[in-house]
């Protein structure tokens, strides 16, 4: 239900550096979420 850690880290750093505010996704069929250096990860059921 998530991305492999090295791929994830690369994307998070790229998004953070560019000032991305939020990533919205699904896939989990549950609500979830968290944050990384001001980048919000929103997982919708």
ModelCIF file with pLDDT and N, C-alpha, C, O atoms, coordinates in Angstrom:
data_MODEL
#
_entry.id   MODEL 
#
_entity.id                         1 
_entity.type                       polymer 
_entity.pdbx_number_of_molecules   1 
#
_entity_poly.entity_id                      1 
_entity_poly.type                           'polypeptide(L)' 
_entity_poly.nstd_linkage                   no 
_entity_poly.nstd_monomer                   no 
_entity_poly.pdbx_seq_one_letter_code       
;(UNK)(UNK)(UNK)(UNK)(UNK)(UNK)(UNK)(UNK)(UNK)(UNK)(UNK)(UNK)(UNK)(UNK)(UNK)(UNK)
(UNK)(UNK)(UNK)(UNK)(UNK)(UNK)(UNK)(UNK)(UNK)(UNK)(UNK)(UNK)(UNK)(UNK)(UNK)(UNK)
(UNK)(UNK)(UNK)(UNK)(UNK)(UNK)(UNK)(UNK)(UNK)(UNK)(UNK)(UNK)(UNK)
;
_entity_poly.pdbx_seq_one_letter_code_can   XXXXXXXXXXXXXXXXXXXXXXXXXXXXXXXXXXXXXXXXXXXXX 
_entity_poly.pdbx_strand_id                 A 
#
loop_
_entity_poly_seq.entity_id 
_entity_poly_seq.num 
_entity_poly_seq.mon_id 
_entity_poly_seq.hetero 
1 1  UNK n 
1 2  UNK n 
1 3  UNK n 
1 4  UNK n 
1 5  UNK n 
1 6  UNK n 
1 7  UNK n 
1 8  UNK n 
1 9  UNK n 
1 10 UNK n 
1 11 UNK n 
1 12 UNK n 
1 13 UNK n 
1 14 UNK n 
1 15 UNK n 
1 16 UNK n 
1 17 UNK n 
1 18 UNK n 
1 19 UNK n 
1 20 UNK n 
1 21 UNK n 
1 22 UNK n 
1 23 UNK n 
1 24 UNK n 
1 25 UNK n 
1 26 UNK n 
1 27 UNK n 
1 28 UNK n 
1 29 UNK n 
1 30 UNK n 
1 31 UNK n 
1 32 UNK n 
1 33 UNK n 
1 34 UNK n 
1 35 UNK n 
1 36 UNK n 
1 37 UNK n 
1 38 UNK n 
1 39 UNK n 
1 40 UNK n 
1 41 UNK n 
1 42 UNK n 
1 43 UNK n 
1 44 UNK n 
1 45 UNK n 
#
_struct_asym.id          A 
_struct_asym.entity_id   1 
#
loop_
_ma_qa_metric.id 
_ma_qa_metric.mode 
_ma_qa_metric.name 
_ma_qa_metric.software_group_id 
_ma_qa_metric.type 
1 global pLDDT . pLDDT 
2 local  pLDDT . pLDDT 
#
_ma_qa_metric_global.metric_id      1 
_ma_qa_metric_global.metric_value   97.49 
_ma_qa_metric_global.model_id       1 
_ma_qa_metric_global.ordinal_id     1 
#
loop_
_ma_qa_metric_local.label_asym_id 
_ma_qa_metric_local.label_comp_id 
_ma_qa_metric_local.label_seq_id 
_ma_qa_metric_local.metric_id 
_ma_qa_metric_local.metric_value 
_ma_qa_metric_local.model_id 
_ma_qa_metric_local.ordinal_id 
A UNK 1  2 97.00 1 1  
A UNK 2  2 98.00 1 2  
A UNK 3  2 98.00 1 3  
A UNK 4  2 98.00 1 4  
A UNK 5  2 98.00 1 5  
A UNK 6  2 97.00 1 6  
A UNK 7  2 97.00 1 7  
A UNK 8  2 98.00 1 8  
A UNK 9  2 98.00 1 9  
A UNK 10 2 97.00 1 10 
A UNK 11 2 98.00 1 11 
A UNK 12 2 98.00 1 12 
A UNK 13 2 97.00 1 13 
A UNK 14 2 97.00 1 14 
A UNK 15 2 97.00 1 15 
A UNK 16 2 96.00 1 16 
A UNK 17 2 95.00 1 17 
A UNK 18 2 95.00 1 18 
A UNK 19 2 95.00 1 19 
A UNK 20 2 97.00 1 20 
A UNK 21 2 97.00 1 21 
A UNK 22 2 98.00 1 22 
A UNK 23 2 98.00 1 23 
A UNK 24 2 99.00 1 24 
A UNK 25 2 98.00 1 25 
A UNK 26 2 98.00 1 26 
A UNK 27 2 98.00 1 27 
A UNK 28 2 98.00 1 28 
A UNK 29 2 98.00 1 29 
A UNK 30 2 98.00 1 30 
A UNK 31 2 98.00 1 31 
A UNK 32 2 98.00 1 32 
A UNK 33 2 98.00 1 33 
A UNK 34 2 98.00 1 34 
A UNK 35 2 98.00 1 35 
A UNK 36 2 98.00 1 36 
A UNK 37 2 97.00 1 37 
A UNK 38 2 95.00 1 38 
A UNK 39 2 98.00 1 39 
A UNK 40 2 98.00 1 40 
A UNK 41 2 98.00 1 41 
A UNK 42 2 98.00 1 42 
A UNK 43 2 98.00 1 43 
A UNK 44 2 98.00 1 44 
A UNK 45 2 98.00 1 45 
#
loop_
_atom_site.group_PDB 
_atom_site.id 
_atom_site.type_symbol 
_atom_site.label_atom_id 
_atom_site.label_alt_id 
_atom_site.label_comp_id 
_atom_site.label_asym_id 
_atom_site.label_entity_id 
_atom_site.label_seq_id 
_atom_site.pdbx_PDB_ins_code 
_atom_site.Cartn_x 
_atom_site.Cartn_y 
_atom_site.Cartn_z 
_atom_site.occupancy 
_atom_site.B_iso_or_equiv 
_atom_site.pdbx_formal_charge 
_atom_site.auth_seq_id 
_atom_site.auth_comp_id 
_atom_site.auth_asym_id 
_atom_site.auth_atom_id 
_atom_site.pdbx_PDB_model_num 
ATOM 1   N N  . UNK A 1 1  ? 0.790   -1.227 0.000  1.00 97.00 ? 1  UNK A N  1 
ATOM 2   C CA . UNK A 1 1  ? 0.000   0.000  0.000  1.00 97.00 ? 1  UNK A CA 1 
ATOM 3   C C  . UNK A 1 1  ? 0.828   1.286  0.000  1.00 97.00 ? 1  UNK A C  1 
ATOM 4   O O  . UNK A 1 1  ? 0.257   2.373  0.099  1.00 97.00 ? 1  UNK A O  1 
ATOM 5   N N  . UNK A 1 2  ? 2.149   1.195  -0.108 1.00 98.00 ? 2  UNK A N  1 
ATOM 6   C CA . UNK A 1 2  ? 2.955   2.405  -0.218 1.00 98.00 ? 2  UNK A CA 1 
ATOM 7   C C  . UNK A 1 2  ? 4.098   2.167  -1.201 1.00 98.00 ? 2  UNK A C  1 
ATOM 8   O O  . UNK A 1 2  ? 4.225   1.081  -1.767 1.00 98.00 ? 2  UNK A O  1 
ATOM 9   N N  . UNK A 1 3  ? 4.918   3.179  -1.396 1.00 98.00 ? 3  UNK A N  1 
ATOM 10  C CA . UNK A 1 3  ? 6.049   3.057  -2.316 1.00 98.00 ? 3  UNK A CA 1 
ATOM 11  C C  . UNK A 1 3  ? 7.305   2.600  -1.583 1.00 98.00 ? 3  UNK A C  1 
ATOM 12  O O  . UNK A 1 3  ? 7.478   2.852  -0.391 1.00 98.00 ? 3  UNK A O  1 
ATOM 13  N N  . UNK A 1 4  ? 8.163   1.932  -2.318 1.00 98.00 ? 4  UNK A N  1 
ATOM 14  C CA . UNK A 1 4  ? 9.429   1.441  -1.765 1.00 98.00 ? 4  UNK A CA 1 
ATOM 15  C C  . UNK A 1 4  ? 10.224  2.624  -1.190 1.00 98.00 ? 4  UNK A C  1 
ATOM 16  O O  . UNK A 1 4  ? 10.166  3.733  -1.722 1.00 98.00 ? 4  UNK A O  1 
ATOM 17  N N  . UNK A 1 5  ? 10.958  2.381  -0.111 1.00 98.00 ? 5  UNK A N  1 
ATOM 18  C CA . UNK A 1 5  ? 11.522  3.465  0.694  1.00 98.00 ? 5  UNK A CA 1 
ATOM 19  C C  . UNK A 1 5  ? 12.464  4.386  -0.081 1.00 98.00 ? 5  UNK A C  1 
ATOM 20  O O  . UNK A 1 5  ? 12.386  5.604  0.081  1.00 98.00 ? 5  UNK A O  1 
ATOM 21  N N  . UNK A 1 6  ? 13.338  3.849  -0.905 1.00 97.00 ? 6  UNK A N  1 
ATOM 22  C CA . UNK A 1 6  ? 14.274  4.714  -1.626 1.00 97.00 ? 6  UNK A CA 1 
ATOM 23  C C  . UNK A 1 6  ? 13.553  5.549  -2.684 1.00 97.00 ? 6  UNK A C  1 
ATOM 24  O O  . UNK A 1 6  ? 13.879  6.720  -2.881 1.00 97.00 ? 6  UNK A O  1 
ATOM 25  N N  . UNK A 1 7  ? 12.583  4.954  -3.357 1.00 97.00 ? 7  UNK A N  1 
ATOM 26  C CA . UNK A 1 7  ? 11.770  5.691  -4.333 1.00 97.00 ? 7  UNK A CA 1 
ATOM 27  C C  . UNK A 1 7  ? 10.969  6.776  -3.628 1.00 97.00 ? 7  UNK A C  1 
ATOM 28  O O  . UNK A 1 7  ? 10.901  7.917  -4.083 1.00 97.00 ? 7  UNK A O  1 
ATOM 29  N N  . UNK A 1 8  ? 10.371  6.398  -2.519 1.00 98.00 ? 8  UNK A N  1 
ATOM 30  C CA . UNK A 1 8  ? 9.592   7.329  -1.702 1.00 98.00 ? 8  UNK A CA 1 
ATOM 31  C C  . UNK A 1 8  ? 10.437  8.523  -1.263 1.00 98.00 ? 8  UNK A C  1 
ATOM 32  O O  . UNK A 1 8  ? 10.010  9.672  -1.378 1.00 98.00 ? 8  UNK A O  1 
ATOM 33  N N  . UNK A 1 9  ? 11.619  8.243  -0.767 1.00 98.00 ? 9  UNK A N  1 
ATOM 34  C CA . UNK A 1 9  ? 12.483  9.304  -0.264 1.00 98.00 ? 9  UNK A CA 1 
ATOM 35  C C  . UNK A 1 9  ? 12.872  10.274 -1.370 1.00 98.00 ? 9  UNK A C  1 
ATOM 36  O O  . UNK A 1 9  ? 12.887  11.488 -1.170 1.00 98.00 ? 9  UNK A O  1 
ATOM 37  N N  . UNK A 1 10 ? 13.183  9.728  -2.530 1.00 97.00 ? 10 UNK A N  1 
ATOM 38  C CA . UNK A 1 10 ? 13.542  10.581 -3.662 1.00 97.00 ? 10 UNK A CA 1 
ATOM 39  C C  . UNK A 1 10 ? 12.405  11.504 -4.052 1.00 97.00 ? 10 UNK A C  1 
ATOM 40  O O  . UNK A 1 10 ? 12.619  12.690 -4.303 1.00 97.00 ? 10 UNK A O  1 
ATOM 41  N N  . UNK A 1 11 ? 11.186  10.959 -4.102 1.00 98.00 ? 11 UNK A N  1 
ATOM 42  C CA . UNK A 1 11 ? 10.024  11.774 -4.461 1.00 98.00 ? 11 UNK A CA 1 
ATOM 43  C C  . UNK A 1 11 ? 9.725   12.799 -3.374 1.00 98.00 ? 11 UNK A C  1 
ATOM 44  O O  . UNK A 1 11 ? 9.439   13.958 -3.676 1.00 98.00 ? 11 UNK A O  1 
ATOM 45  N N  . UNK A 1 12 ? 9.787   12.381 -2.113 1.00 98.00 ? 12 UNK A N  1 
ATOM 46  C CA . UNK A 1 12 ? 9.497   13.318 -1.022 1.00 98.00 ? 12 UNK A CA 1 
ATOM 47  C C  . UNK A 1 12 ? 10.458  14.495 -1.049 1.00 98.00 ? 12 UNK A C  1 
ATOM 48  O O  . UNK A 1 12 ? 10.051  15.644 -0.877 1.00 98.00 ? 12 UNK A O  1 
ATOM 49  N N  . UNK A 1 13 ? 11.718  14.209 -1.264 1.00 97.00 ? 13 UNK A N  1 
ATOM 50  C CA . UNK A 1 13 ? 12.710  15.282 -1.299 1.00 97.00 ? 13 UNK A CA 1 
ATOM 51  C C  . UNK A 1 13 ? 12.488  16.198 -2.504 1.00 97.00 ? 13 UNK A C  1 
ATOM 52  O O  . UNK A 1 13 ? 12.619  17.418 -2.401 1.00 97.00 ? 13 UNK A O  1 
ATOM 53  N N  . UNK A 1 14 ? 12.154  15.598 -3.640 1.00 97.00 ? 14 UNK A N  1 
ATOM 54  C CA . UNK A 1 14 ? 11.886  16.400 -4.844 1.00 97.00 ? 14 UNK A CA 1 
ATOM 55  C C  . UNK A 1 14 ? 10.665  17.301 -4.622 1.00 97.00 ? 14 UNK A C  1 
ATOM 56  O O  . UNK A 1 14 ? 10.681  18.480 -4.978 1.00 97.00 ? 14 UNK A O  1 
ATOM 57  N N  . UNK A 1 15 ? 9.613   16.736 -4.034 1.00 97.00 ? 15 UNK A N  1 
ATOM 58  C CA . UNK A 1 15 ? 8.401   17.512 -3.777 1.00 97.00 ? 15 UNK A CA 1 
ATOM 59  C C  . UNK A 1 15 ? 8.665   18.611 -2.743 1.00 97.00 ? 15 UNK A C  1 
ATOM 60  O O  . UNK A 1 15 ? 8.235   19.753 -2.908 1.00 97.00 ? 15 UNK A O  1 
ATOM 61  N N  . UNK A 1 16 ? 9.370   18.251 -1.693 1.00 96.00 ? 16 UNK A N  1 
ATOM 62  C CA . UNK A 1 16 ? 9.661   19.236 -0.640 1.00 96.00 ? 16 UNK A CA 1 
ATOM 63  C C  . UNK A 1 16 ? 10.474  20.397 -1.205 1.00 96.00 ? 16 UNK A C  1 
ATOM 64  O O  . UNK A 1 16 ? 10.165  21.559 -0.941 1.00 96.00 ? 16 UNK A O  1 
ATOM 65  N N  . UNK A 1 17 ? 11.490  20.095 -1.964 1.00 95.00 ? 17 UNK A N  1 
ATOM 66  C CA . UNK A 1 17 ? 12.343  21.126 -2.549 1.00 95.00 ? 17 UNK A CA 1 
ATOM 67  C C  . UNK A 1 17 ? 11.552  22.057 -3.469 1.00 95.00 ? 17 UNK A C  1 
ATOM 68  O O  . UNK A 1 17 ? 11.821  23.256 -3.533 1.00 95.00 ? 17 UNK A O  1 
ATOM 69  N N  . UNK A 1 18 ? 10.568  21.487 -4.185 1.00 95.00 ? 18 UNK A N  1 
ATOM 70  C CA . UNK A 1 18 ? 9.768   22.282 -5.124 1.00 95.00 ? 18 UNK A CA 1 
ATOM 71  C C  . UNK A 1 18 ? 8.637   23.039 -4.435 1.00 95.00 ? 18 UNK A C  1 
ATOM 72  O O  . UNK A 1 18 ? 7.993   23.886 -5.054 1.00 95.00 ? 18 UNK A O  1 
ATOM 73  N N  . UNK A 1 19 ? 8.391   22.742 -3.167 1.00 95.00 ? 19 UNK A N  1 
ATOM 74  C CA . UNK A 1 19 ? 7.326   23.430 -2.445 1.00 95.00 ? 19 UNK A CA 1 
ATOM 75  C C  . UNK A 1 19 ? 5.953   22.813 -2.608 1.00 95.00 ? 19 UNK A C  1 
ATOM 76  O O  . UNK A 1 19 ? 4.949   23.496 -2.407 1.00 95.00 ? 19 UNK A O  1 
ATOM 77  N N  . UNK A 1 20 ? 5.879   21.542 -2.967 1.00 97.00 ? 20 UNK A N  1 
ATOM 78  C CA . UNK A 1 20 ? 4.581   20.860 -3.071 1.00 97.00 ? 20 UNK A CA 1 
ATOM 79  C C  . UNK A 1 20 ? 3.930   20.847 -1.690 1.00 97.00 ? 20 UNK A C  1 
ATOM 80  O O  . UNK A 1 20 ? 4.564   20.483 -0.700 1.00 97.00 ? 20 UNK A O  1 
ATOM 81  N N  . UNK A 1 21 ? 2.657   21.250 -1.634 1.00 97.00 ? 21 UNK A N  1 
ATOM 82  C CA . UNK A 1 21 ? 1.956   21.336 -0.354 1.00 97.00 ? 21 UNK A CA 1 
ATOM 83  C C  . UNK A 1 21 ? 1.327   20.007 0.055  1.00 97.00 ? 21 UNK A C  1 
ATOM 84  O O  . UNK A 1 21 ? 1.337   19.653 1.233  1.00 97.00 ? 21 UNK A O  1 
ATOM 85  N N  . UNK A 1 22 ? 0.781   19.271 -0.913 1.00 98.00 ? 22 UNK A N  1 
ATOM 86  C CA . UNK A 1 22 ? 0.049   18.064 -0.546 1.00 98.00 ? 22 UNK A CA 1 
ATOM 87  C C  . UNK A 1 22 ? 0.048   17.065 -1.692 1.00 98.00 ? 22 UNK A C  1 
ATOM 88  O O  . UNK A 1 22 ? 0.076   17.432 -2.867 1.00 98.00 ? 22 UNK A O  1 
ATOM 89  N N  . UNK A 1 23 ? 0.016   15.784 -1.314 1.00 98.00 ? 23 UNK A N  1 
ATOM 90  C CA . UNK A 1 23 ? -0.176  14.681 -2.249 1.00 98.00 ? 23 UNK A CA 1 
ATOM 91  C C  . UNK A 1 23 ? -1.451  13.965 -1.839 1.00 98.00 ? 23 UNK A C  1 
ATOM 92  O O  . UNK A 1 23 ? -1.585  13.543 -0.690 1.00 98.00 ? 23 UNK A O  1 
ATOM 93  N N  . UNK A 1 24 ? -2.392  13.824 -2.769 1.00 99.00 ? 24 UNK A N  1 
ATOM 94  C CA . UNK A 1 24 ? -3.652  13.123 -2.512 1.00 99.00 ? 24 UNK A CA 1 
ATOM 95  C C  . UNK A 1 24 ? -3.646  11.789 -3.255 1.00 99.00 ? 24 UNK A C  1 
ATOM 96  O O  . UNK A 1 24 ? -3.301  11.725 -4.435 1.00 99.00 ? 24 UNK A O  1 
ATOM 97  N N  . UNK A 1 25 ? -4.027  10.739 -2.556 1.00 98.00 ? 25 UNK A N  1 
ATOM 98  C CA . UNK A 1 25 ? -4.008  9.407  -3.174 1.00 98.00 ? 25 UNK A CA 1 
ATOM 99  C C  . UNK A 1 25 ? -5.168  8.567  -2.667 1.00 98.00 ? 25 UNK A C  1 
ATOM 100 O O  . UNK A 1 25 ? -5.986  9.026  -1.870 1.00 98.00 ? 25 UNK A O  1 
ATOM 101 N N  . UNK A 1 26 ? -5.226  7.317  -3.147 1.00 98.00 ? 26 UNK A N  1 
ATOM 102 C CA . UNK A 1 26 ? -6.212  6.332  -2.700 1.00 98.00 ? 26 UNK A CA 1 
ATOM 103 C C  . UNK A 1 26 ? -5.498  5.033  -2.397 1.00 98.00 ? 26 UNK A C  1 
ATOM 104 O O  . UNK A 1 26 ? -4.560  4.997  -1.600 1.00 98.00 ? 26 UNK A O  1 
ATOM 105 N N  . UNK A 1 27 ? -5.961  3.938  -3.055 1.00 98.00 ? 27 UNK A N  1 
ATOM 106 C CA . UNK A 1 27 ? -5.282  2.638  -3.053 1.00 98.00 ? 27 UNK A CA 1 
ATOM 107 C C  . UNK A 1 27 ? -5.470  1.835  -1.762 1.00 98.00 ? 27 UNK A C  1 
ATOM 108 O O  . UNK A 1 27 ? -5.570  0.609  -1.812 1.00 98.00 ? 27 UNK A O  1 
ATOM 109 N N  . UNK A 1 28 ? -5.519  2.495  -0.628 1.00 98.00 ? 28 UNK A N  1 
ATOM 110 C CA . UNK A 1 28 ? -5.540  1.803  0.657  1.00 98.00 ? 28 UNK A CA 1 
ATOM 111 C C  . UNK A 1 28 ? -6.934  1.343  1.059  1.00 98.00 ? 28 UNK A C  1 
ATOM 112 O O  . UNK A 1 28 ? -7.066  0.447  1.893  1.00 98.00 ? 28 UNK A O  1 
ATOM 113 N N  . UNK A 1 29 ? -7.978  1.939  0.482  1.00 98.00 ? 29 UNK A N  1 
ATOM 114 C CA . UNK A 1 29 ? -9.370  1.652  0.839  1.00 98.00 ? 29 UNK A CA 1 
ATOM 115 C C  . UNK A 1 29 ? -9.624  1.937  2.319  1.00 98.00 ? 29 UNK A C  1 
ATOM 116 O O  . UNK A 1 29 ? -10.514 1.348  2.933  1.00 98.00 ? 29 UNK A O  1 
ATOM 117 N N  . UNK A 1 30 ? -8.833  2.842  2.878  1.00 98.00 ? 30 UNK A N  1 
ATOM 118 C CA . UNK A 1 30 ? -8.972  3.344  4.243  1.00 98.00 ? 30 UNK A CA 1 
ATOM 119 C C  . UNK A 1 30 ? -8.454  4.778  4.238  1.00 98.00 ? 30 UNK A C  1 
ATOM 120 O O  . UNK A 1 30 ? -7.650  5.151  3.384  1.00 98.00 ? 30 UNK A O  1 
ATOM 121 N N  . UNK A 1 31 ? -8.915  5.573  5.188  1.00 98.00 ? 31 UNK A N  1 
ATOM 122 C CA . UNK A 1 31 ? -8.341  6.907  5.357  1.00 98.00 ? 31 UNK A CA 1 
ATOM 123 C C  . UNK A 1 31 ? -7.045  6.816  6.153  1.00 98.00 ? 31 UNK A C  1 
ATOM 124 O O  . UNK A 1 31 ? -6.956  6.080  7.136  1.00 98.00 ? 31 UNK A O  1 
ATOM 125 N N  . UNK A 1 32 ? -6.049  7.568  5.722  1.00 98.00 ? 32 UNK A N  1 
ATOM 126 C CA . UNK A 1 32 ? -4.758  7.581  6.399  1.00 98.00 ? 32 UNK A CA 1 
ATOM 127 C C  . UNK A 1 32 ? -4.059  8.880  6.029  1.00 98.00 ? 32 UNK A C  1 
ATOM 128 O O  . UNK A 1 32 ? -4.624  9.733  5.345  1.00 98.00 ? 32 UNK A O  1 
ATOM 129 N N  . UNK A 1 33 ? -2.819  9.017  6.493  1.00 98.00 ? 33 UNK A N  1 
ATOM 130 C CA . UNK A 1 33 ? -2.055  10.197 6.113  1.00 98.00 ? 33 UNK A CA 1 
ATOM 131 C C  . UNK A 1 33 ? -1.023  10.592 7.148  1.00 98.00 ? 33 UNK A C  1 
ATOM 132 O O  . UNK A 1 33 ? -1.012  10.082 8.268  1.00 98.00 ? 33 UNK A O  1 
ATOM 133 N N  . UNK A 1 34 ? -0.157  11.509 6.752  1.00 98.00 ? 34 UNK A N  1 
ATOM 134 C CA . UNK A 1 34 ? 0.903   12.002 7.612  1.00 98.00 ? 34 UNK A CA 1 
ATOM 135 C C  . UNK A 1 34 ? 1.591   13.169 6.927  1.00 98.00 ? 34 UNK A C  1 
ATOM 136 O O  . UNK A 1 34 ? 1.036   13.768 6.006  1.00 98.00 ? 34 UNK A O  1 
ATOM 137 N N  . UNK A 1 35 ? 2.803   13.497 7.375  1.00 98.00 ? 35 UNK A N  1 
ATOM 138 C CA . UNK A 1 35 ? 3.504   14.628 6.776  1.00 98.00 ? 35 UNK A CA 1 
ATOM 139 C C  . UNK A 1 35 ? 5.008   14.397 6.767  1.00 98.00 ? 35 UNK A C  1 
ATOM 140 O O  . UNK A 1 35 ? 5.547   13.619 7.553  1.00 98.00 ? 35 UNK A O  1 
ATOM 141 N N  . UNK A 1 36 ? 5.664   15.100 5.851  1.00 98.00 ? 36 UNK A N  1 
ATOM 142 C CA . UNK A 1 36 ? 7.113   15.070 5.715  1.00 98.00 ? 36 UNK A CA 1 
ATOM 143 C C  . UNK A 1 36 ? 7.599   16.475 5.411  1.00 98.00 ? 36 UNK A C  1 
ATOM 144 O O  . UNK A 1 36 ? 7.368   16.987 4.315  1.00 98.00 ? 36 UNK A O  1 
ATOM 145 N N  . UNK A 1 37 ? 8.261   17.097 6.353  1.00 97.00 ? 37 UNK A N  1 
ATOM 146 C CA . UNK A 1 37 ? 8.860   18.415 6.144  1.00 97.00 ? 37 UNK A CA 1 
ATOM 147 C C  . UNK A 1 37 ? 7.870   19.415 5.535  1.00 97.00 ? 37 UNK A C  1 
ATOM 148 O O  . UNK A 1 37 ? 8.216   20.162 4.620  1.00 97.00 ? 37 UNK A O  1 
ATOM 149 N N  . UNK A 1 38 ? 6.647   19.422 6.048  1.00 95.00 ? 38 UNK A N  1 
ATOM 150 C CA . UNK A 1 38 ? 5.641   20.345 5.554  1.00 95.00 ? 38 UNK A CA 1 
ATOM 151 C C  . UNK A 1 38 ? 4.835   19.849 4.375  1.00 95.00 ? 38 UNK A C  1 
ATOM 152 O O  . UNK A 1 38 ? 3.872   20.499 3.970  1.00 95.00 ? 38 UNK A O  1 
ATOM 153 N N  . UNK A 1 39 ? 5.208   18.705 3.814  1.00 98.00 ? 39 UNK A N  1 
ATOM 154 C CA . UNK A 1 39 ? 4.458   18.082 2.724  1.00 98.00 ? 39 UNK A CA 1 
ATOM 155 C C  . UNK A 1 39 ? 3.415   17.156 3.337  1.00 98.00 ? 39 UNK A C  1 
ATOM 156 O O  . UNK A 1 39 ? 3.769   16.223 4.057  1.00 98.00 ? 39 UNK A O  1 
ATOM 157 N N  . UNK A 1 40 ? 2.145   17.398 3.066  1.00 98.00 ? 40 UNK A N  1 
ATOM 158 C CA . UNK A 1 40 ? 1.087   16.559 3.622  1.00 98.00 ? 40 UNK A CA 1 
ATOM 159 C C  . UNK A 1 40 ? 0.758   15.405 2.677  1.00 98.00 ? 40 UNK A C  1 
ATOM 160 O O  . UNK A 1 40 ? 0.569   15.610 1.478  1.00 98.00 ? 40 UNK A O  1 
ATOM 161 N N  . UNK A 1 41 ? 0.693   14.203 3.220  1.00 98.00 ? 41 UNK A N  1 
ATOM 162 C CA . UNK A 1 41 ? 0.270   13.017 2.471  1.00 98.00 ? 41 UNK A CA 1 
ATOM 163 C C  . UNK A 1 41 ? -1.150  12.675 2.912  1.00 98.00 ? 41 UNK A C  1 
ATOM 164 O O  . UNK A 1 41 ? -1.386  12.346 4.075  1.00 98.00 ? 41 UNK A O  1 
ATOM 165 N N  . UNK A 1 42 ? -2.100  12.758 1.966  1.00 98.00 ? 42 UNK A N  1 
ATOM 166 C CA . UNK A 1 42 ? -3.516  12.526 2.268  1.00 98.00 ? 42 UNK A CA 1 
ATOM 167 C C  . UNK A 1 42 ? -3.968  11.265 1.542  1.00 98.00 ? 42 UNK A C  1 
ATOM 168 O O  . UNK A 1 42 ? -3.930  11.198 0.314  1.00 98.00 ? 42 UNK A O  1 
ATOM 169 N N  . UNK A 1 43 ? -4.391  10.278 2.302  1.00 98.00 ? 43 UNK A N  1 
ATOM 170 C CA . UNK A 1 43 ? -4.859  9.005  1.746  1.00 98.00 ? 43 UNK A CA 1 
ATOM 171 C C  . UNK A 1 43 ? -6.360  8.903  1.991  1.00 98.00 ? 43 UNK A C  1 
ATOM 172 O O  . UNK A 1 43 ? -6.806  8.874  3.138  1.00 98.00 ? 43 UNK A O  1 
ATOM 173 N N  . UNK A 1 44 ? -7.133  8.848  0.918  1.00 98.00 ? 44 UNK A N  1 
ATOM 174 C CA . UNK A 1 44 ? -8.586  8.821  1.035  1.00 98.00 ? 44 UNK A CA 1 
ATOM 175 C C  . UNK A 1 44 ? -9.126  7.416  0.817  1.00 98.00 ? 44 UNK A C  1 
ATOM 176 O O  . UNK A 1 44 ? -8.654  6.677  -0.046 1.00 98.00 ? 44 UNK A O  1 
ATOM 177 N N  . UNK A 1 45 ? -10.122 7.066  1.615  1.00 98.00 ? 45 UNK A N  1 
ATOM 178 C CA . UNK A 1 45 ? -10.766 5.775  1.462  1.00 98.00 ? 45 UNK A CA 1 
ATOM 179 C C  . UNK A 1 45 ? -11.594 5.746  0.185  1.00 98.00 ? 45 UNK A C  1 
ATOM 180 O O  . UNK A 1 45 ? -12.220 4.732  -0.123 1.00 98.00 ? 45 UNK A O  1 
#
